[in-house]
Structure formats: structure tokens, C-alpha cells
PDB file of all heavy atoms in Angstrom:
ATOM      1  N   SER A   1     109.603 137.594 114.306  1.00  0.00           N
ATOM      2  CA  SER A   1     110.931 137.219 113.853  1.00  0.00           C
ATOM      3  C   SER A   1     110.916 135.803 113.343  1.00  0.00           C
ATOM      4  O   SER A   1     110.096 135.013 113.731  1.00  0.00           O
ATOM      5  CB  SER A   1     111.937 137.388 115.012  1.00  0.00           C
ATOM      6  OG  SER A   1     111.438 136.595 116.100  1.00  0.00           O
ATOM      7  N   TRP A   2     111.842 135.477 112.435  1.00  0.00           N
ATOM      8  CA  TRP A   2     111.904 134.097 111.973  1.00  0.00           C
ATOM      9  C   TRP A   2     113.195 133.475 112.520  1.00  0.00           C
ATOM     10  O   TRP A   2     114.181 134.150 112.683  1.00  0.00           O
ATOM     11  CB  TRP A   2     111.821 134.015 110.419  1.00  0.00           C
ATOM     12  CG  TRP A   2     113.024 134.599 109.713  1.00  0.00           C
ATOM     13  CD1 TRP A   2     113.177 135.852 109.186  1.00  0.00           C
ATOM     14  CD2 TRP A   2     114.253 133.899 109.395  1.00  0.00           C
ATOM     15  NE1 TRP A   2     114.405 135.980 108.650  1.00  0.00           N
ATOM     16  CE2 TRP A   2     115.085 134.823 108.717  1.00  0.00           C
ATOM     17  CE3 TRP A   2     114.755 132.585 109.646  1.00  0.00           C
ATOM     18  CZ2 TRP A   2     116.396 134.479 108.275  1.00  0.00           C
ATOM     19  CZ3 TRP A   2     116.025 132.258 109.180  1.00  0.00           C
ATOM     20  CH2 TRP A   2     116.797 133.223 108.524  1.00  0.00           C
ATOM     21  N   PRO A   3     113.150 132.171 112.819  1.00  0.00           N
ATOM     22  CA  PRO A   3     111.964 131.257 112.753  1.00  0.00           C
ATOM     23  C   PRO A   3     110.955 131.646 113.853  1.00  0.00           C
ATOM     24  O   PRO A   3     111.323 131.869 114.980  1.00  0.00           O
ATOM     25  CB  PRO A   3     112.551 129.891 112.983  1.00  0.00           C
ATOM     26  CG  PRO A   3     113.834 130.153 113.721  1.00  0.00           C
ATOM     27  CD  PRO A   3     114.362 131.450 113.246  1.00  0.00           C
ATOM     28  N   ALA A   4     109.692 131.711 113.473  1.00  0.00           N
ATOM     29  CA  ALA A   4     108.617 132.119 114.367  1.00  0.00           C
ATOM     30  C   ALA A   4     108.200 130.905 115.197  1.00  0.00           C
ATOM     31  O   ALA A   4     107.923 129.839 114.701  1.00  0.00           O
ATOM     32  CB  ALA A   4     107.399 132.622 113.566  1.00  0.00           C
ATOM     33  N   PRO A   5     108.135 131.018 116.571  1.00  0.00           N
ATOM     34  CA  PRO A   5     107.849 129.889 117.400  1.00  0.00           C
ATOM     35  C   PRO A   5     106.529 129.206 117.078  1.00  0.00           C
ATOM     36  O   PRO A   5     106.403 127.990 117.082  1.00  0.00           O
ATOM     37  CB  PRO A   5     107.807 130.525 118.823  1.00  0.00           C
ATOM     38  CG  PRO A   5     108.740 131.686 118.741  1.00  0.00           C
ATOM     39  CD  PRO A   5     108.536 132.194 117.338  1.00  0.00           C
ATOM     40  N   ASN A   6     105.449 129.995 116.738  1.00  0.00           N
ATOM     41  CA  ASN A   6     104.187 129.341 116.447  1.00  0.00           C
ATOM     42  C   ASN A   6     104.184 128.622 115.104  1.00  0.00           C
ATOM     43  O   ASN A   6     103.458 127.651 114.937  1.00  0.00           O
ATOM     44  CB  ASN A   6     103.007 130.360 116.549  1.00  0.00           C
ATOM     45  CG  ASN A   6     103.193 131.585 115.680  1.00  0.00           C
ATOM     46  OD1 ASN A   6     104.290 131.804 115.107  1.00  0.00           O
ATOM     47  ND2 ASN A   6     102.166 132.371 115.567  1.00  0.00           N
ATOM     48  N   VAL A   7     105.054 129.083 114.188  1.00  0.00           N
ATOM     49  CA  VAL A   7     105.154 128.335 112.903  1.00  0.00           C
ATOM     50  C   VAL A   7     105.963 127.052 113.096  1.00  0.00           C
ATOM     51  O   VAL A   7     105.664 126.019 112.500  1.00  0.00           O
ATOM     52  CB  VAL A   7     105.751 129.249 111.839  1.00  0.00           C
ATOM     53  CG1 VAL A   7     105.901 128.510 110.514  1.00  0.00           C
ATOM     54  CG2 VAL A   7     104.949 130.528 111.661  1.00  0.00           C
ATOM     55  N   ILE A   8     107.004 127.161 113.927  1.00  0.00           N
ATOM     56  CA  ILE A   8     107.777 125.933 114.250  1.00  0.00           C
ATOM     57  C   ILE A   8     106.851 124.873 114.872  1.00  0.00           C
ATOM     58  O   ILE A   8     106.893 123.697 114.480  1.00  0.00           O
ATOM     59  CB  ILE A   8     108.921 126.286 115.262  1.00  0.00           C
ATOM     60  CG1 ILE A   8     110.001 127.126 114.546  1.00  0.00           C
ATOM     61  CG2 ILE A   8     109.539 125.001 115.776  1.00  0.00           C
ATOM     62  CD1 ILE A   8     111.069 127.619 115.507  1.00  0.00           C
ATOM     63  N   GLU A   9     106.025 125.359 115.817  1.00  0.00           N
ATOM     64  CA  GLU A   9     105.095 124.446 116.483  1.00  0.00           C
ATOM     65  C   GLU A   9     104.097 123.853 115.495  1.00  0.00           C
ATOM     66  O   GLU A   9     103.835 122.623 115.568  1.00  0.00           O
ATOM     67  CB  GLU A   9     104.344 125.184 117.584  1.00  0.00           C
ATOM     68  CG  GLU A   9     103.369 124.313 118.417  1.00  0.00           C
ATOM     69  CD  GLU A   9     102.623 125.108 119.467  1.00  0.00           C
ATOM     70  OE1 GLU A   9     102.847 126.321 119.616  1.00  0.00           O
ATOM     71  OE2 GLU A   9     101.777 124.473 120.097  1.00  0.00           O
ATOM     72  N   ALA A  10     103.545 124.655 114.637  1.00  0.00           N
ATOM     73  CA  ALA A  10     102.566 124.192 113.649  1.00  0.00           C
ATOM     74  C   ALA A  10     103.207 123.154 112.726  1.00  0.00           C
ATOM     75  O   ALA A  10     102.628 122.064 112.460  1.00  0.00           O
ATOM     76  CB  ALA A  10     102.026 125.361 112.845  1.00  0.00           C
ATOM     77  N   ALA A  11     104.387 123.451 112.216  1.00  0.00           N
ATOM     78  CA  ALA A  11     105.045 122.538 111.234  1.00  0.00           C
ATOM     79  C   ALA A  11     105.463 121.232 111.886  1.00  0.00           C
ATOM     80  O   ALA A  11     105.549 120.214 111.214  1.00  0.00           O
ATOM     81  CB  ALA A  11     106.262 123.244 110.676  1.00  0.00           C
ATOM     82  N   ALA A  12     105.710 121.290 113.205  1.00  0.00           N
ATOM     83  CA  ALA A  12     106.130 120.092 113.932  1.00  0.00           C
ATOM     84  C   ALA A  12     104.924 119.189 114.257  1.00  0.00           C
ATOM     85  O   ALA A  12     105.103 117.982 114.430  1.00  0.00           O
ATOM     86  CB  ALA A  12     106.843 120.459 115.215  1.00  0.00           C
ATOM     87  N   SER A  13     103.739 119.759 114.262  1.00  0.00           N
ATOM     88  CA  SER A  13     102.554 118.998 114.687  1.00  0.00           C
ATOM     89  C   SER A  13     101.678 118.507 113.543  1.00  0.00           C
ATOM     90  O   SER A  13     100.948 117.552 113.710  1.00  0.00           O
ATOM     91  CB  SER A  13     101.725 119.836 115.660  1.00  0.00           C
ATOM     92  OG  SER A  13     101.226 121.015 115.050  1.00  0.00           O
ATOM     93  N   THR A  14     101.816 119.184 112.376  1.00  0.00           N
ATOM     94  CA  THR A  14     101.000 118.751 111.233  1.00  0.00           C
ATOM     95  C   THR A  14     101.681 119.277 109.987  1.00  0.00           C
ATOM     96  O   THR A  14     102.318 120.322 110.000  1.00  0.00           O
ATOM     97  CB  THR A  14      99.566 119.345 111.325  1.00  0.00           C
ATOM     98  OG1 THR A  14      98.766 118.776 110.323  1.00  0.00           O
ATOM     99  CG2 THR A  14      99.579 120.835 111.261  1.00  0.00           C
ATOM    100  N   PRO A  15     101.547 118.591 108.831  1.00  0.00           N
ATOM    101  CA  PRO A  15     102.168 119.054 107.586  1.00  0.00           C
ATOM    102  C   PRO A  15     101.592 120.442 107.167  1.00  0.00           C
ATOM    103  O   PRO A  15     100.373 120.603 107.125  1.00  0.00           O
ATOM    104  CB  PRO A  15     101.788 117.981 106.560  1.00  0.00           C
ATOM    105  CG  PRO A  15     101.577 116.755 107.393  1.00  0.00           C
ATOM    106  CD  PRO A  15     100.918 117.229 108.634  1.00  0.00           C
ATOM    107  N   VAL A  16     102.461 121.390 106.959  1.00  0.00           N
ATOM    108  CA  VAL A  16     102.037 122.741 106.534  1.00  0.00           C
ATOM    109  C   VAL A  16     102.827 123.212 105.353  1.00  0.00           C
ATOM    110  O   VAL A  16     103.917 122.681 105.031  1.00  0.00           O
ATOM    111  CB  VAL A  16     102.200 123.754 107.682  1.00  0.00           C
ATOM    112  CG1 VAL A  16     101.416 123.333 108.923  1.00  0.00           C
ATOM    113  CG2 VAL A  16     103.671 123.991 108.041  1.00  0.00           C
ATOM    114  N   THR A  17     102.296 124.230 104.685  1.00  0.00           N
ATOM    115  CA  THR A  17     102.991 124.911 103.607  1.00  0.00           C
ATOM    116  C   THR A  17     103.010 126.405 103.984  1.00  0.00           C
ATOM    117  O   THR A  17     101.988 127.006 104.230  1.00  0.00           O
ATOM    118  CB  THR A  17     102.238 124.785 102.278  1.00  0.00           C
ATOM    119  OG1 THR A  17     102.116 123.414 101.909  1.00  0.00           O
ATOM    120  CG2 THR A  17     102.960 125.528 101.154  1.00  0.00           C
ATOM    121  N   VAL A  18     104.237 126.968 104.070  1.00  0.00           N
ATOM    122  CA  VAL A  18     104.373 128.387 104.306  1.00  0.00           C
ATOM    123  C   VAL A  18     104.538 129.039 102.907  1.00  0.00           C
ATOM    124  O   VAL A  18     105.444 128.728 102.179  1.00  0.00           O
ATOM    125  CB  VAL A  18     105.628 128.714 105.181  1.00  0.00           C
ATOM    126  CG1 VAL A  18     105.721 130.195 105.418  1.00  0.00           C
ATOM    127  CG2 VAL A  18     105.572 127.927 106.479  1.00  0.00           C
ATOM    128  N   LEU A  19     103.571 129.880 102.589  1.00  0.00           N
ATOM    129  CA  LEU A  19     103.469 130.414 101.206  1.00  0.00           C
ATOM    130  C   LEU A  19     104.561 131.382 100.894  1.00  0.00           C
ATOM    131  O   LEU A  19     104.962 132.195 101.704  1.00  0.00           O
ATOM    132  CB  LEU A  19     102.089 131.101 101.008  1.00  0.00           C
ATOM    133  CG  LEU A  19     100.845 130.254 101.342  1.00  0.00           C
ATOM    134  CD1 LEU A  19      99.587 131.024 101.034  1.00  0.00           C
ATOM    135  CD2 LEU A  19     100.902 128.917 100.528  1.00  0.00           C
ATOM    136  N   SER A  20     104.979 131.335  99.604  1.00  0.00           N
ATOM    137  CA  SER A  20     105.933 132.289  99.057  1.00  0.00           C
ATOM    138  C   SER A  20     105.136 133.336  98.240  1.00  0.00           C
ATOM    139  O   SER A  20     104.117 132.991  97.617  1.00  0.00           O
ATOM    140  CB  SER A  20     106.950 131.597  98.137  1.00  0.00           C
ATOM    141  OG  SER A  20     108.135 131.398  98.839  1.00  0.00           O
ATOM    142  N   LEU A  21     105.618 134.557  98.269  1.00  0.00           N
ATOM    143  CA  LEU A  21     105.044 135.601  97.425  1.00  0.00           C
ATOM    144  C   LEU A  21     105.928 135.834  96.226  1.00  0.00           C
ATOM    145  O   LEU A  21     107.147 135.641  96.302  1.00  0.00           O
ATOM    146  CB  LEU A  21     104.879 136.911  98.197  1.00  0.00           C
ATOM    147  CG  LEU A  21     103.674 137.086  99.144  1.00  0.00           C
ATOM    148  CD1 LEU A  21     103.735 136.123 100.295  1.00  0.00           C
ATOM    149  CD2 LEU A  21     103.577 138.523  99.610  1.00  0.00           C
ATOM    150  N   THR A  22     105.361 136.210  95.090  1.00  0.00           N
ATOM    151  CA  THR A  22     106.165 136.531  93.920  1.00  0.00           C
ATOM    152  C   THR A  22     106.772 137.928  94.113  1.00  0.00           C
ATOM    153  O   THR A  22     106.333 138.706  94.946  1.00  0.00           O
ATOM    154  CB  THR A  22     105.311 136.525  92.664  1.00  0.00           C
ATOM    155  OG1 THR A  22     104.323 137.608  92.784  1.00  0.00           O
ATOM    156  CG2 THR A  22     104.569 135.204  92.512  1.00  0.00           C
ATOM    157  N   ASP A  23     107.787 138.188  93.329  1.00  0.00           N
ATOM    158  CA  ASP A  23     108.419 139.545  93.362  1.00  0.00           C
ATOM    159  C   ASP A  23     107.362 140.674  93.090  1.00  0.00           C
ATOM    160  O   ASP A  23     107.392 141.707  93.686  1.00  0.00           O
ATOM    161  CB  ASP A  23     109.548 139.650  92.382  1.00  0.00           C
ATOM    162  CG  ASP A  23     110.773 138.843  92.774  1.00  0.00           C
ATOM    163  OD1 ASP A  23     110.928 138.580  93.993  1.00  0.00           O
ATOM    164  OD2 ASP A  23     111.592 138.449  91.896  1.00  0.00           O
ATOM    165  N   GLU A  24     106.464 140.322  92.162  1.00  0.00           N
ATOM    166  CA  GLU A  24     105.425 141.314  91.813  1.00  0.00           C
ATOM    167  C   GLU A  24     104.489 141.547  93.014  1.00  0.00           C
ATOM    168  O   GLU A  24     104.120 142.696  93.291  1.00  0.00           O
ATOM    169  CB  GLU A  24     104.643 140.827  90.617  1.00  0.00           C
ATOM    170  CG  GLU A  24     103.570 141.820  90.141  1.00  0.00           C
ATOM    171  CD  GLU A  24     102.778 141.275  88.941  1.00  0.00           C
ATOM    172  OE1 GLU A  24     103.103 140.218  88.455  1.00  0.00           O
ATOM    173  OE2 GLU A  24     101.788 141.972  88.550  1.00  0.00           O
ATOM    174  N   GLN A  25     104.107 140.488  93.699  1.00  0.00           N
ATOM    175  CA  GLN A  25     103.225 140.645  94.861  1.00  0.00           C
ATOM    176  C   GLN A  25     103.935 141.402  95.954  1.00  0.00           C
ATOM    177  O   GLN A  25     103.314 142.271  96.625  1.00  0.00           O
ATOM    178  CB  GLN A  25     102.796 139.242  95.372  1.00  0.00           C
ATOM    179  CG  GLN A  25     101.783 138.544  94.486  1.00  0.00           C
ATOM    180  CD  GLN A  25     101.526 137.132  94.844  1.00  0.00           C
ATOM    181  OE1 GLN A  25     102.412 136.472  95.413  1.00  0.00           O
ATOM    182  NE2 GLN A  25     100.348 136.620  94.558  1.00  0.00           N
ATOM    183  N   ILE A  26     105.214 141.113  96.165  1.00  0.00           N
ATOM    184  CA  ILE A  26     105.953 141.849  97.217  1.00  0.00           C
ATOM    185  C   ILE A  26     106.009 143.326  96.884  1.00  0.00           C
ATOM    186  O   ILE A  26     105.861 144.175  97.766  1.00  0.00           O
ATOM    187  CB  ILE A  26     107.376 141.257  97.372  1.00  0.00           C
ATOM    188  CG1 ILE A  26     107.277 139.827  97.971  1.00  0.00           C
ATOM    189  CG2 ILE A  26     108.245 142.127  98.200  1.00  0.00           C
ATOM    190  CD1 ILE A  26     108.587 139.054  97.968  1.00  0.00           C
ATOM    191  N   ALA A  27     106.232 143.660  95.611  1.00  0.00           N
ATOM    192  CA  ALA A  27     106.305 145.066  95.201  1.00  0.00           C
ATOM    193  C   ALA A  27     104.931 145.736  95.451  1.00  0.00           C
ATOM    194  O   ALA A  27     104.883 146.911  95.882  1.00  0.00           O
ATOM    195  CB  ALA A  27     106.649 145.148  93.708  1.00  0.00           C
ATOM    196  N   GLN A  28     103.834 145.000  95.241  1.00  0.00           N
ATOM    197  CA  GLN A  28     102.486 145.545  95.478  1.00  0.00           C
ATOM    198  C   GLN A  28     102.259 145.889  96.954  1.00  0.00           C
ATOM    199  O   GLN A  28     101.522 146.814  97.261  1.00  0.00           O
ATOM    200  CB  GLN A  28     101.399 144.570  95.011  1.00  0.00           C
ATOM    201  CG  GLN A  28     101.200 144.563  93.500  1.00  0.00           C
ATOM    202  CD  GLN A  28     100.090 143.593  93.139  1.00  0.00           C
ATOM    203  OE1 GLN A  28     100.334 142.433  92.778  1.00  0.00           O
ATOM    204  NE2 GLN A  28      98.871 144.067  93.182  1.00  0.00           N
ATOM    205  N   THR A  29     102.839 145.143  97.831  1.00  0.00           N
ATOM    206  CA  THR A  29     102.677 145.430  99.261  1.00  0.00           C
ATOM    207  C   THR A  29     103.427 146.643  99.753  1.00  0.00           C
ATOM    208  O   THR A  29     103.066 147.198 100.754  1.00  0.00           O
ATOM    209  CB  THR A  29     103.135 144.191 100.105  1.00  0.00           C
ATOM    210  OG1 THR A  29     104.531 144.062 100.055  1.00  0.00           O
ATOM    211  CG2 THR A  29     102.436 142.882  99.688  1.00  0.00           C
ATOM    212  N   GLY A  30     104.463 146.998  99.050  1.00  0.00           N
ATOM    213  CA  GLY A  30     105.283 148.150  99.444  1.00  0.00           C
ATOM    214  C   GLY A  30     106.183 147.856 100.632  1.00  0.00           C
ATOM    215  O   GLY A  30     106.824 148.732 101.203  1.00  0.00           O
ATOM    216  N   ARG A  31     106.290 146.564 100.999  1.00  0.00           N
ATOM    217  CA  ARG A  31     107.170 146.135 102.139  1.00  0.00           C
ATOM    218  C   ARG A  31     108.518 145.644 101.623  1.00  0.00           C
ATOM    219  O   ARG A  31     108.720 145.490 100.431  1.00  0.00           O
ATOM    220  CB  ARG A  31     106.461 145.051 102.949  1.00  0.00           C
ATOM    221  CG  ARG A  31     105.238 145.534 103.641  1.00  0.00           C
ATOM    222  CD  ARG A  31     105.520 146.571 104.697  1.00  0.00           C
ATOM    223  NE  ARG A  31     104.374 146.895 105.521  1.00  0.00           N
ATOM    224  CZ  ARG A  31     104.289 147.924 106.334  1.00  0.00           C
ATOM    225  NH1 ARG A  31     105.289 148.745 106.454  1.00  0.00           N
ATOM    226  NH2 ARG A  31     103.191 148.128 107.070  1.00  0.00           N
ATOM    227  N   THR A  32     109.366 145.362 102.534  1.00  0.00           N
ATOM    228  CA  THR A  32     110.743 144.948 102.259  1.00  0.00           C
ATOM    229  C   THR A  32     110.746 143.422 102.012  1.00  0.00           C
ATOM    230  O   THR A  32     110.167 142.680 102.789  1.00  0.00           O
ATOM    231  CB  THR A  32     111.711 145.257 103.415  1.00  0.00           C
ATOM    232  OG1 THR A  32     111.659 146.662 103.647  1.00  0.00           O
ATOM    233  CG2 THR A  32     113.102 144.845 103.105  1.00  0.00           C
ATOM    234  N   LYS A  33     111.405 142.998 100.962  1.00  0.00           N
ATOM    235  CA  LYS A  33     111.496 141.543 100.642  1.00  0.00           C
ATOM    236  C   LYS A  33     112.421 140.890 101.648  1.00  0.00           C
ATOM    237  O   LYS A  33     113.441 141.441 102.040  1.00  0.00           O
ATOM    238  CB  LYS A  33     112.037 141.391  99.203  1.00  0.00           C
ATOM    239  CG  LYS A  33     112.259 139.922  98.847  1.00  0.00           C
ATOM    240  CD  LYS A  33     112.761 139.828  97.408  1.00  0.00           C
ATOM    241  CE  LYS A  33     113.116 138.452  96.981  1.00  0.00           C
ATOM    242  NZ  LYS A  33     113.623 138.345  95.611  1.00  0.00           N
ATOM    243  N   LEU A  34     112.039 139.695 102.069  1.00  0.00           N
ATOM    244  CA  LEU A  34     112.859 138.859 102.919  1.00  0.00           C
ATOM    245  C   LEU A  34     112.784 137.409 102.492  1.00  0.00           C
ATOM    246  O   LEU A  34     111.707 136.931 102.155  1.00  0.00           O
ATOM    247  CB  LEU A  34     112.396 139.037 104.405  1.00  0.00           C
ATOM    248  CG  LEU A  34     113.327 138.383 105.476  1.00  0.00           C
ATOM    249  CD1 LEU A  34     113.369 139.236 106.747  1.00  0.00           C
ATOM    250  CD2 LEU A  34     112.765 136.963 105.812  1.00  0.00           C
ATOM    251  N   VAL A  35     113.893 136.707 102.562  1.00  0.00           N
ATOM    252  CA  VAL A  35     113.919 135.294 102.157  1.00  0.00           C
ATOM    253  C   VAL A  35     114.213 134.464 103.413  1.00  0.00           C
ATOM    254  O   VAL A  35     115.227 134.653 104.077  1.00  0.00           O
ATOM    255  CB  VAL A  35     114.994 135.030 101.112  1.00  0.00           C
ATOM    256  CG1 VAL A  35     115.069 133.533 100.787  1.00  0.00           C
ATOM    257  CG2 VAL A  35     114.683 135.826  99.841  1.00  0.00           C
ATOM    258  N   ILE A  36     113.298 133.543 103.706  1.00  0.00           N
ATOM    259  CA  ILE A  36     113.492 132.561 104.789  1.00  0.00           C
ATOM    260  C   ILE A  36     114.108 131.332 104.182  1.00  0.00           C
ATOM    261  O   ILE A  36     113.509 130.724 103.282  1.00  0.00           O
ATOM    262  CB  ILE A  36     112.120 132.207 105.459  1.00  0.00           C
ATOM    263  CG1 ILE A  36     111.440 133.447 106.015  1.00  0.00           C
ATOM    264  CG2 ILE A  36     112.356 131.194 106.540  1.00  0.00           C
ATOM    265  CD1 ILE A  36     110.034 133.208 106.542  1.00  0.00           C
ATOM    266  N   PRO A  37     115.312 130.986 104.594  1.00  0.00           N
ATOM    267  CA  PRO A  37     116.033 129.878 103.894  1.00  0.00           C
ATOM    268  C   PRO A  37     115.344 128.544 104.036  1.00  0.00           C
ATOM    269  O   PRO A  37     114.612 128.279 105.007  1.00  0.00           O
ATOM    270  CB  PRO A  37     117.372 129.867 104.707  1.00  0.00           C
ATOM    271  CG  PRO A  37     117.480 131.161 105.364  1.00  0.00           C
ATOM    272  CD  PRO A  37     116.097 131.590 105.643  1.00  0.00           C
ATOM    273  N   ALA A  38     115.529 127.723 103.037  1.00  0.00           N
ATOM    274  CA  ALA A  38     115.007 126.332 103.054  1.00  0.00           C
ATOM    275  C   ALA A  38     115.474 125.614 104.271  1.00  0.00           C
ATOM    276  O   ALA A  38     116.627 125.853 104.766  1.00  0.00           O
ATOM    277  CB  ALA A  38     115.493 125.614 101.810  1.00  0.00           C
ATOM    278  N   GLY A  39     114.597 124.793 104.904  1.00  0.00           N
ATOM    279  CA  GLY A  39     114.986 124.044 106.045  1.00  0.00           C
ATOM    280  C   GLY A  39     114.708 124.724 107.327  1.00  0.00           C
ATOM    281  O   GLY A  39     114.944 124.163 108.408  1.00  0.00           O
ATOM    282  N   THR A  40     114.236 126.007 107.292  1.00  0.00           N
ATOM    283  CA  THR A  40     113.956 126.718 108.536  1.00  0.00           C
ATOM    284  C   THR A  40     112.854 126.047 109.296  1.00  0.00           C
ATOM    285  O   THR A  40     112.856 125.925 110.550  1.00  0.00           O
ATOM    286  CB  THR A  40     113.588 128.170 108.222  1.00  0.00           C
ATOM    287  OG1 THR A  40     114.681 128.831 107.591  1.00  0.00           O
ATOM    288  CG2 THR A  40     113.224 128.939 109.492  1.00  0.00           C
TER     289      THR A  40
END
């Protein structure tokens, strides 16, 4: 679930980038699109 505790911990301890997928890539996965809001 988001916000994910281990991602919160990682971002708090060192600079990280959580990658975004393009609409095309999401379609290729066959999964449901979800947007994690800025500032999470």
C-alpha cells in the first residue's frame, strides 16, 4: 500500500527517485494504473 513504509524509510535516509512508468508501459503490464501524488 502507499505510502509504503520501506519507501518512506529509504527516502528519509538517502536521496531516492521513485520511477514513473509511461502510459504505454503501464498498458504493457496489463495492470491497473495508479498515481501516487507528489509529496508522498
